[in-house]
N, C-alpha and C. Protein backbone atom coordinates (compact mmCIF):
# COMPACT_ATOMS: atom_id res chain seq x y z
N MET A 1 48.86 1.04 50.53
CA MET A 1 49.51 0.80 49.26
C MET A 1 50.99 1.05 49.45
N ASP A 2 51.81 0.20 48.86
CA ASP A 2 53.23 0.39 49.02
C ASP A 2 53.74 1.47 48.06
N ASP A 3 54.94 1.97 48.35
CA ASP A 3 55.52 3.06 47.56
C ASP A 3 55.71 2.67 46.10
N ARG A 4 56.05 1.39 45.86
CA ARG A 4 56.27 0.94 44.48
C ARG A 4 54.98 1.06 43.67
N LYS A 5 53.84 0.69 44.27
CA LYS A 5 52.54 0.78 43.58
C LYS A 5 52.21 2.24 43.29
N GLN A 6 52.47 3.15 44.23
CA GLN A 6 52.21 4.56 44.01
C GLN A 6 53.06 5.10 42.87
N VAL A 7 54.32 4.71 42.83
CA VAL A 7 55.21 5.15 41.75
C VAL A 7 54.70 4.61 40.42
N GLU A 8 54.28 3.32 40.41
CA GLU A 8 53.76 2.73 39.17
C GLU A 8 52.51 3.46 38.72
N ASP A 9 51.58 3.77 39.66
CA ASP A 9 50.36 4.50 39.31
C ASP A 9 50.71 5.86 38.74
N ARG A 10 51.63 6.57 39.38
CA ARG A 10 52.02 7.90 38.91
C ARG A 10 52.65 7.81 37.52
N ASP A 11 53.49 6.78 37.30
CA ASP A 11 54.12 6.60 35.99
C ASP A 11 53.08 6.31 34.91
N VAL A 12 52.08 5.49 35.24
CA VAL A 12 51.02 5.18 34.28
C VAL A 12 50.27 6.46 33.92
N LEU A 13 49.94 7.25 34.92
CA LEU A 13 49.19 8.48 34.67
C LEU A 13 50.03 9.49 33.90
N LYS A 14 51.31 9.59 34.22
CA LYS A 14 52.20 10.51 33.52
C LYS A 14 52.31 10.10 32.05
N THR A 15 52.43 8.80 31.81
CA THR A 15 52.49 8.30 30.43
C THR A 15 51.20 8.62 29.70
N ALA A 16 50.07 8.49 30.39
CA ALA A 16 48.79 8.80 29.75
C ALA A 16 48.73 10.27 29.35
N VAL A 17 49.22 11.15 30.20
CA VAL A 17 49.22 12.57 29.89
C VAL A 17 50.12 12.83 28.68
N GLU A 18 51.30 12.23 28.67
CA GLU A 18 52.24 12.44 27.57
C GLU A 18 51.74 11.85 26.26
N ALA A 19 50.95 10.81 26.34
CA ALA A 19 50.49 10.12 25.13
C ALA A 19 49.12 10.59 24.67
N LEU A 20 48.66 11.69 25.18
CA LEU A 20 47.32 12.17 24.88
C LEU A 20 47.06 12.30 23.39
N ASP A 21 48.04 12.74 22.63
CA ASP A 21 47.84 12.95 21.20
C ASP A 21 48.00 11.67 20.38
N ALA A 22 48.42 10.59 21.02
CA ALA A 22 48.61 9.33 20.29
C ALA A 22 47.24 8.76 19.90
N PRO A 23 47.13 8.13 18.73
CA PRO A 23 45.85 7.54 18.33
C PRO A 23 45.50 6.37 19.23
N ALA A 24 44.21 6.18 19.45
CA ALA A 24 43.74 5.09 20.30
C ALA A 24 44.02 3.76 19.61
N PRO A 25 44.43 2.74 20.38
CA PRO A 25 44.67 1.43 19.77
C PRO A 25 43.37 0.81 19.29
N VAL A 26 43.43 0.13 18.17
CA VAL A 26 42.26 -0.55 17.63
C VAL A 26 42.56 -2.05 17.66
N PRO A 27 41.70 -2.82 18.34
CA PRO A 27 41.94 -4.26 18.39
C PRO A 27 41.81 -4.87 16.99
N PRO A 28 42.39 -6.06 16.80
CA PRO A 28 42.38 -6.69 15.48
C PRO A 28 40.98 -6.85 14.89
N ASP A 29 39.97 -7.06 15.77
CA ASP A 29 38.62 -7.27 15.25
C ASP A 29 37.91 -5.95 14.92
N GLY A 30 38.59 -4.80 15.13
CA GLY A 30 38.02 -3.50 14.80
C GLY A 30 37.10 -2.94 15.86
N GLY A 31 36.89 -3.67 16.96
CA GLY A 31 36.02 -3.19 18.03
C GLY A 31 36.73 -2.15 18.88
N ILE A 32 36.08 -1.74 19.93
CA ILE A 32 36.67 -0.75 20.83
C ILE A 32 37.44 -1.48 21.92
N ALA A 33 38.71 -1.14 22.05
CA ALA A 33 39.55 -1.78 23.06
C ALA A 33 39.15 -1.27 24.44
N PRO A 34 39.07 -2.14 25.45
CA PRO A 34 38.77 -1.67 26.80
C PRO A 34 39.92 -0.84 27.34
N ASP A 35 39.59 0.08 28.20
CA ASP A 35 40.59 0.92 28.84
C ASP A 35 41.29 0.04 29.88
N PRO A 36 42.58 -0.29 29.71
CA PRO A 36 43.24 -1.24 30.60
C PRO A 36 43.52 -0.70 31.99
N ALA A 37 43.56 0.59 32.17
CA ALA A 37 43.87 1.17 33.48
C ALA A 37 43.32 2.58 33.51
N PRO A 38 43.08 3.11 34.72
CA PRO A 38 42.62 4.48 34.80
C PRO A 38 43.64 5.42 34.17
N ASN A 39 43.14 6.43 33.50
CA ASN A 39 44.00 7.43 32.88
C ASN A 39 43.59 8.80 33.37
N ILE A 40 44.54 9.58 33.70
CA ILE A 40 44.28 10.99 33.96
C ILE A 40 45.07 11.72 32.92
N ALA A 41 44.37 12.51 32.13
CA ALA A 41 45.04 13.20 31.03
C ALA A 41 44.47 14.60 30.90
N THR A 42 45.25 15.46 30.32
CA THR A 42 44.75 16.77 29.98
C THR A 42 44.45 16.75 28.50
N SER A 43 43.43 17.49 28.11
CA SER A 43 43.09 17.48 26.70
C SER A 43 42.75 18.88 26.24
N ASP A 44 42.84 19.05 24.95
CA ASP A 44 42.50 20.31 24.31
C ASP A 44 42.09 19.97 22.90
N GLU A 45 41.06 20.63 22.39
CA GLU A 45 40.59 20.34 21.04
C GLU A 45 41.69 20.55 20.01
N GLN A 46 42.40 21.66 20.07
CA GLN A 46 43.44 21.98 19.11
C GLN A 46 44.79 21.97 19.81
N PRO A 47 45.77 21.21 19.28
CA PRO A 47 47.10 21.25 19.88
C PRO A 47 47.69 22.65 19.81
N LYS A 48 48.50 22.97 20.78
CA LYS A 48 49.17 24.27 20.81
C LYS A 48 50.24 24.32 19.72
N PRO A 49 50.64 25.52 19.30
CA PRO A 49 51.66 25.62 18.26
C PRO A 49 52.95 24.87 18.60
N ASP A 50 53.28 24.75 19.88
CA ASP A 50 54.52 24.04 20.23
C ASP A 50 54.33 22.52 20.27
N GLY A 51 53.11 22.05 19.94
CA GLY A 51 52.86 20.61 19.87
C GLY A 51 52.33 20.01 21.16
N ASN A 52 52.31 20.76 22.26
CA ASN A 52 51.80 20.23 23.52
C ASN A 52 50.28 20.20 23.48
N ALA A 53 49.68 19.19 24.10
CA ALA A 53 48.23 19.05 24.10
C ALA A 53 47.59 19.92 25.18
N SER A 54 48.33 20.41 26.13
CA SER A 54 47.77 21.16 27.23
C SER A 54 48.57 22.42 27.49
N SER A 55 47.85 23.46 27.93
CA SER A 55 48.55 24.68 28.31
C SER A 55 48.92 24.66 29.79
N LEU A 56 48.48 23.63 30.52
CA LEU A 56 48.83 23.52 31.93
C LEU A 56 50.29 23.12 32.06
N PRO A 57 51.02 23.75 32.96
CA PRO A 57 52.43 23.36 33.17
C PRO A 57 52.52 21.93 33.71
N PRO A 58 53.58 21.21 33.37
CA PRO A 58 53.73 19.81 33.82
C PRO A 58 53.62 19.65 35.34
N GLU A 59 54.17 20.61 36.09
CA GLU A 59 54.08 20.47 37.55
C GLU A 59 52.65 20.63 38.05
N GLU A 60 51.84 21.41 37.34
CA GLU A 60 50.42 21.55 37.70
C GLU A 60 49.66 20.27 37.36
N ILE A 61 49.99 19.67 36.24
CA ILE A 61 49.38 18.39 35.86
C ILE A 61 49.72 17.34 36.91
N GLU A 62 50.98 17.30 37.33
CA GLU A 62 51.42 16.34 38.36
C GLU A 62 50.66 16.56 39.67
N ARG A 63 50.52 17.81 40.09
CA ARG A 63 49.80 18.11 41.33
C ARG A 63 48.34 17.72 41.22
N LEU A 64 47.69 18.10 40.11
CA LEU A 64 46.29 17.75 39.94
C LEU A 64 46.10 16.23 39.91
N THR A 65 46.99 15.53 39.22
CA THR A 65 46.92 14.07 39.16
C THR A 65 46.98 13.47 40.56
N THR A 66 47.96 13.86 41.32
CA THR A 66 48.13 13.34 42.68
C THR A 66 46.92 13.66 43.55
N ASP A 67 46.44 14.91 43.47
CA ASP A 67 45.33 15.33 44.32
C ASP A 67 44.01 14.68 43.90
N ILE A 68 43.80 14.49 42.60
CA ILE A 68 42.57 13.84 42.14
C ILE A 68 42.55 12.38 42.57
N ILE A 69 43.68 11.69 42.44
CA ILE A 69 43.74 10.30 42.90
C ILE A 69 43.47 10.23 44.40
N ALA A 70 44.07 11.12 45.16
CA ALA A 70 43.83 11.15 46.61
C ALA A 70 42.35 11.37 46.91
N ALA A 71 41.71 12.27 46.17
CA ALA A 71 40.28 12.54 46.38
C ALA A 71 39.45 11.30 46.04
N LEU A 72 39.78 10.63 44.93
CA LEU A 72 39.04 9.43 44.55
C LEU A 72 39.17 8.34 45.60
N LYS A 73 40.32 8.29 46.27
CA LYS A 73 40.55 7.28 47.30
C LYS A 73 39.79 7.55 48.59
N THR A 74 39.09 8.68 48.67
CA THR A 74 38.25 8.95 49.86
C THR A 74 36.83 8.44 49.67
N VAL A 75 36.51 7.97 48.47
CA VAL A 75 35.16 7.49 48.17
C VAL A 75 35.17 5.96 48.24
N TYR A 76 34.31 5.42 49.07
CA TYR A 76 34.25 3.97 49.28
C TYR A 76 32.93 3.41 48.81
N ASP A 77 32.98 2.21 48.26
CA ASP A 77 31.76 1.46 47.97
C ASP A 77 31.25 0.99 49.33
N PRO A 78 30.02 1.34 49.70
CA PRO A 78 29.55 0.99 51.05
C PRO A 78 29.44 -0.51 51.31
N GLU A 79 29.41 -1.31 50.27
CA GLU A 79 29.29 -2.76 50.46
C GLU A 79 30.63 -3.48 50.46
N ILE A 80 31.70 -2.76 50.09
CA ILE A 80 33.02 -3.36 49.99
C ILE A 80 34.01 -2.47 50.74
N PRO A 81 34.83 -3.04 51.61
CA PRO A 81 35.74 -2.20 52.41
C PRO A 81 36.99 -1.74 51.65
N ALA A 82 36.78 -1.14 50.49
CA ALA A 82 37.91 -0.62 49.69
C ALA A 82 37.43 0.60 48.93
N ASP A 83 38.35 1.51 48.63
CA ASP A 83 37.96 2.72 47.90
C ASP A 83 37.76 2.42 46.42
N ILE A 84 37.03 3.30 45.74
CA ILE A 84 36.66 3.06 44.35
C ILE A 84 37.84 3.06 43.39
N TYR A 85 38.91 3.78 43.74
CA TYR A 85 40.10 3.82 42.89
C TYR A 85 40.80 2.46 42.93
N GLU A 86 41.01 1.93 44.13
CA GLU A 86 41.68 0.64 44.28
C GLU A 86 40.81 -0.50 43.78
N LEU A 87 39.49 -0.33 43.82
CA LEU A 87 38.59 -1.35 43.28
C LEU A 87 38.64 -1.41 41.75
N GLY A 88 39.18 -0.37 41.14
CA GLY A 88 39.25 -0.33 39.68
C GLY A 88 37.97 0.17 39.04
N LEU A 89 37.17 0.94 39.79
CA LEU A 89 35.92 1.46 39.24
C LEU A 89 36.12 2.71 38.41
N ILE A 90 37.28 3.34 38.52
CA ILE A 90 37.57 4.54 37.74
C ILE A 90 38.25 4.11 36.44
N TYR A 91 37.59 4.38 35.32
CA TYR A 91 38.13 3.98 34.02
C TYR A 91 38.93 5.10 33.35
N LYS A 92 38.48 6.33 33.49
CA LYS A 92 39.15 7.41 32.78
C LYS A 92 38.87 8.74 33.48
N VAL A 93 39.91 9.56 33.56
CA VAL A 93 39.78 10.92 34.11
C VAL A 93 40.49 11.85 33.14
N GLU A 94 39.81 12.90 32.72
CA GLU A 94 40.41 13.89 31.83
C GLU A 94 40.29 15.26 32.48
N VAL A 95 41.36 16.03 32.38
CA VAL A 95 41.38 17.40 32.89
C VAL A 95 41.65 18.30 31.69
N ASP A 96 40.73 19.25 31.44
CA ASP A 96 40.96 20.14 30.30
C ASP A 96 41.74 21.37 30.75
N ASP A 97 42.05 22.24 29.80
CA ASP A 97 42.86 23.42 30.10
C ASP A 97 42.19 24.39 31.06
N ASP A 98 40.86 24.30 31.17
CA ASP A 98 40.13 25.15 32.12
C ASP A 98 39.97 24.47 33.47
N ARG A 99 40.63 23.33 33.63
CA ARG A 99 40.63 22.54 34.86
C ARG A 99 39.28 21.90 35.18
N ASN A 100 38.48 21.67 34.13
CA ASN A 100 37.25 20.89 34.29
C ASN A 100 37.64 19.43 34.20
N VAL A 101 37.05 18.61 35.06
CA VAL A 101 37.39 17.19 35.14
C VAL A 101 36.21 16.36 34.64
N ALA A 102 36.47 15.43 33.74
CA ALA A 102 35.47 14.48 33.26
C ALA A 102 35.93 13.09 33.68
N ILE A 103 35.05 12.35 34.33
CA ILE A 103 35.39 11.03 34.86
C ILE A 103 34.43 10.00 34.28
N ASN A 104 34.99 8.91 33.73
CA ASN A 104 34.21 7.73 33.37
C ASN A 104 34.48 6.69 34.44
N MET A 105 33.43 6.20 35.04
CA MET A 105 33.57 5.18 36.07
C MET A 105 32.47 4.16 35.91
N THR A 106 32.62 3.05 36.58
CA THR A 106 31.60 2.01 36.55
C THR A 106 31.20 1.66 37.97
N LEU A 107 30.33 0.70 38.08
CA LEU A 107 29.90 0.19 39.38
C LEU A 107 30.22 -1.30 39.41
N THR A 108 30.25 -1.89 40.58
CA THR A 108 30.55 -3.31 40.67
C THR A 108 29.44 -4.14 40.03
N ALA A 109 28.23 -3.59 39.98
CA ALA A 109 27.10 -4.26 39.34
C ALA A 109 26.10 -3.20 38.90
N PRO A 110 25.42 -3.41 37.76
CA PRO A 110 24.45 -2.42 37.29
C PRO A 110 23.34 -2.13 38.31
N GLY A 111 23.01 -3.09 39.13
CA GLY A 111 21.96 -2.90 40.13
C GLY A 111 22.47 -2.39 41.46
N CYS A 112 23.65 -1.78 41.48
CA CYS A 112 24.25 -1.27 42.71
C CYS A 112 23.26 -0.33 43.43
N PRO A 113 23.02 -0.57 44.72
CA PRO A 113 22.05 0.25 45.45
C PRO A 113 22.43 1.73 45.57
N VAL A 114 23.70 2.09 45.38
CA VAL A 114 24.11 3.49 45.46
C VAL A 114 24.43 4.08 44.09
N ALA A 115 23.87 3.48 43.03
CA ALA A 115 24.15 3.92 41.67
C ALA A 115 23.82 5.40 41.46
N GLY A 116 22.80 5.89 42.10
CA GLY A 116 22.42 7.30 41.95
C GLY A 116 23.23 8.22 42.83
N GLU A 117 23.77 7.70 43.92
CA GLU A 117 24.50 8.52 44.88
C GLU A 117 26.00 8.57 44.65
N MET A 118 26.59 7.46 44.22
CA MET A 118 28.04 7.40 44.10
C MET A 118 28.62 8.45 43.15
N PRO A 119 28.00 8.71 41.99
CA PRO A 119 28.56 9.76 41.13
C PRO A 119 28.61 11.13 41.83
N VAL A 120 27.64 11.41 42.67
CA VAL A 120 27.63 12.67 43.42
C VAL A 120 28.77 12.68 44.43
N TRP A 121 29.02 11.55 45.08
CA TRP A 121 30.13 11.45 46.04
C TRP A 121 31.45 11.72 45.33
N VAL A 122 31.61 11.12 44.14
CA VAL A 122 32.84 11.30 43.37
C VAL A 122 32.98 12.76 42.94
N GLU A 123 31.91 13.32 42.43
CA GLU A 123 31.92 14.73 42.00
C GLU A 123 32.31 15.65 43.15
N ASN A 124 31.70 15.44 44.30
CA ASN A 124 32.00 16.29 45.46
C ASN A 124 33.46 16.13 45.91
N ALA A 125 33.95 14.91 45.91
CA ALA A 125 35.35 14.67 46.34
C ALA A 125 36.32 15.37 45.40
N VAL A 126 36.13 15.22 44.09
CA VAL A 126 37.06 15.81 43.12
C VAL A 126 36.90 17.33 43.08
N ASN A 127 35.68 17.84 43.22
CA ASN A 127 35.48 19.29 43.25
C ASN A 127 36.19 19.95 44.44
N ALA A 128 36.47 19.18 45.48
CA ALA A 128 37.16 19.73 46.65
C ALA A 128 38.67 19.89 46.42
N VAL A 129 39.18 19.35 45.32
CA VAL A 129 40.62 19.47 45.00
C VAL A 129 40.90 20.91 44.58
N PRO A 130 41.85 21.57 45.23
CA PRO A 130 42.19 22.94 44.84
C PRO A 130 42.60 23.01 43.37
N GLY A 131 42.00 23.96 42.65
CA GLY A 131 42.32 24.15 41.24
C GLY A 131 41.34 23.48 40.29
N VAL A 132 40.49 22.59 40.78
CA VAL A 132 39.49 21.95 39.92
C VAL A 132 38.31 22.90 39.78
N ALA A 133 37.95 23.20 38.52
CA ALA A 133 36.86 24.14 38.25
C ALA A 133 35.49 23.47 38.36
N GLY A 134 35.40 22.22 37.97
CA GLY A 134 34.14 21.49 38.01
C GLY A 134 34.38 20.05 37.62
N THR A 135 33.43 19.18 37.94
CA THR A 135 33.58 17.76 37.66
C THR A 135 32.29 17.20 37.09
N LYS A 136 32.42 16.38 36.07
CA LYS A 136 31.28 15.65 35.49
C LYS A 136 31.61 14.17 35.55
N VAL A 137 30.71 13.39 36.14
CA VAL A 137 30.92 11.95 36.29
C VAL A 137 29.94 11.22 35.38
N ASN A 138 30.48 10.33 34.56
CA ASN A 138 29.67 9.49 33.68
C ASN A 138 29.78 8.05 34.15
N ILE A 139 28.64 7.38 34.33
CA ILE A 139 28.64 5.96 34.67
C ILE A 139 28.61 5.17 33.36
N VAL A 140 29.56 4.26 33.20
CA VAL A 140 29.64 3.42 32.01
C VAL A 140 29.69 1.95 32.44
N PHE A 141 29.22 1.07 31.58
CA PHE A 141 29.26 -0.36 31.89
C PHE A 141 30.01 -1.16 30.83
N ASP A 142 30.73 -0.45 29.97
CA ASP A 142 31.52 -1.12 28.95
C ASP A 142 32.95 -0.60 29.04
N PRO A 143 33.90 -1.40 29.40
CA PRO A 143 33.77 -2.83 29.68
C PRO A 143 33.18 -3.04 31.07
N PRO A 144 32.53 -4.18 31.27
CA PRO A 144 31.99 -4.46 32.60
C PRO A 144 33.11 -4.64 33.62
N TRP A 145 32.82 -4.24 34.84
CA TRP A 145 33.80 -4.39 35.92
C TRP A 145 33.88 -5.86 36.30
N ASP A 146 35.09 -6.30 36.65
CA ASP A 146 35.28 -7.62 37.26
C ASP A 146 36.44 -7.52 38.25
N GLN A 147 36.63 -8.56 39.02
CA GLN A 147 37.61 -8.54 40.10
C GLN A 147 39.05 -8.38 39.62
N SER A 148 39.32 -8.64 38.36
CA SER A 148 40.68 -8.49 37.85
C SER A 148 41.12 -7.03 37.82
N ARG A 149 40.20 -6.10 37.92
CA ARG A 149 40.52 -4.66 37.91
C ARG A 149 40.96 -4.16 39.29
N MET A 150 40.80 -4.98 40.31
CA MET A 150 41.15 -4.59 41.67
C MET A 150 42.67 -4.58 41.88
N SER A 151 43.14 -3.61 42.65
CA SER A 151 44.56 -3.58 43.03
C SER A 151 44.80 -4.64 44.11
N ASP A 152 46.08 -4.92 44.36
CA ASP A 152 46.42 -5.84 45.43
C ASP A 152 45.91 -5.33 46.77
N GLU A 153 45.96 -4.00 46.96
CA GLU A 153 45.47 -3.41 48.21
C GLU A 153 43.98 -3.71 48.40
N ALA A 154 43.19 -3.57 47.34
CA ALA A 154 41.76 -3.85 47.43
C ALA A 154 41.52 -5.34 47.67
N ARG A 155 42.28 -6.18 47.00
CA ARG A 155 42.14 -7.63 47.20
C ARG A 155 42.41 -8.01 48.65
N LEU A 156 43.42 -7.40 49.22
CA LEU A 156 43.76 -7.64 50.62
C LEU A 156 42.61 -7.18 51.54
N ALA A 157 42.06 -6.00 51.23
CA ALA A 157 40.98 -5.45 52.06
C ALA A 157 39.74 -6.33 52.06
N VAL A 158 39.48 -6.98 50.94
CA VAL A 158 38.28 -7.82 50.88
C VAL A 158 38.57 -9.29 51.14
N GLY A 159 39.83 -9.60 51.49
CA GLY A 159 40.18 -10.97 51.87
C GLY A 159 40.33 -11.92 50.70
N MET A 160 40.78 -11.42 49.56
CA MET A 160 40.94 -12.29 48.40
C MET A 160 42.32 -12.93 48.32
N PHE A 161 43.18 -12.72 49.30
CA PHE A 161 44.50 -13.34 49.29
C PHE A 161 44.54 -14.48 50.27
């Protein structure tokens, strides 16, 4: 991945953290809008008196974000020569004030042969990040995954260019 893509990913994640308290967008038809990109955010049920959504210092959020993305990039779909982050299988990552991580991810197909194993791989990878207290992985199929979610790096790896 080139440096520009890494900076863009970091900017997207930083914006997600900063916008945590913003209301979710509602599409014109009133349905649930698909998550357009992976988000890593910190959350807390009650905002702090100073208005911040997290008690974690910004530099700790930045470190956790970088390290969690790096951990996710070590997990590969065994049928596709690209990591799950670049494939766009990670829909949402939340880190709470106790450093528990909740991940919503999907699979390339509901009948994926590693559907039972991949969440464990993701959990183990993220749990290895220093400072992470625990990880819960949820498999979701809405919105369904398609090739448009893949990064340029993943497209190159699978020969789509």
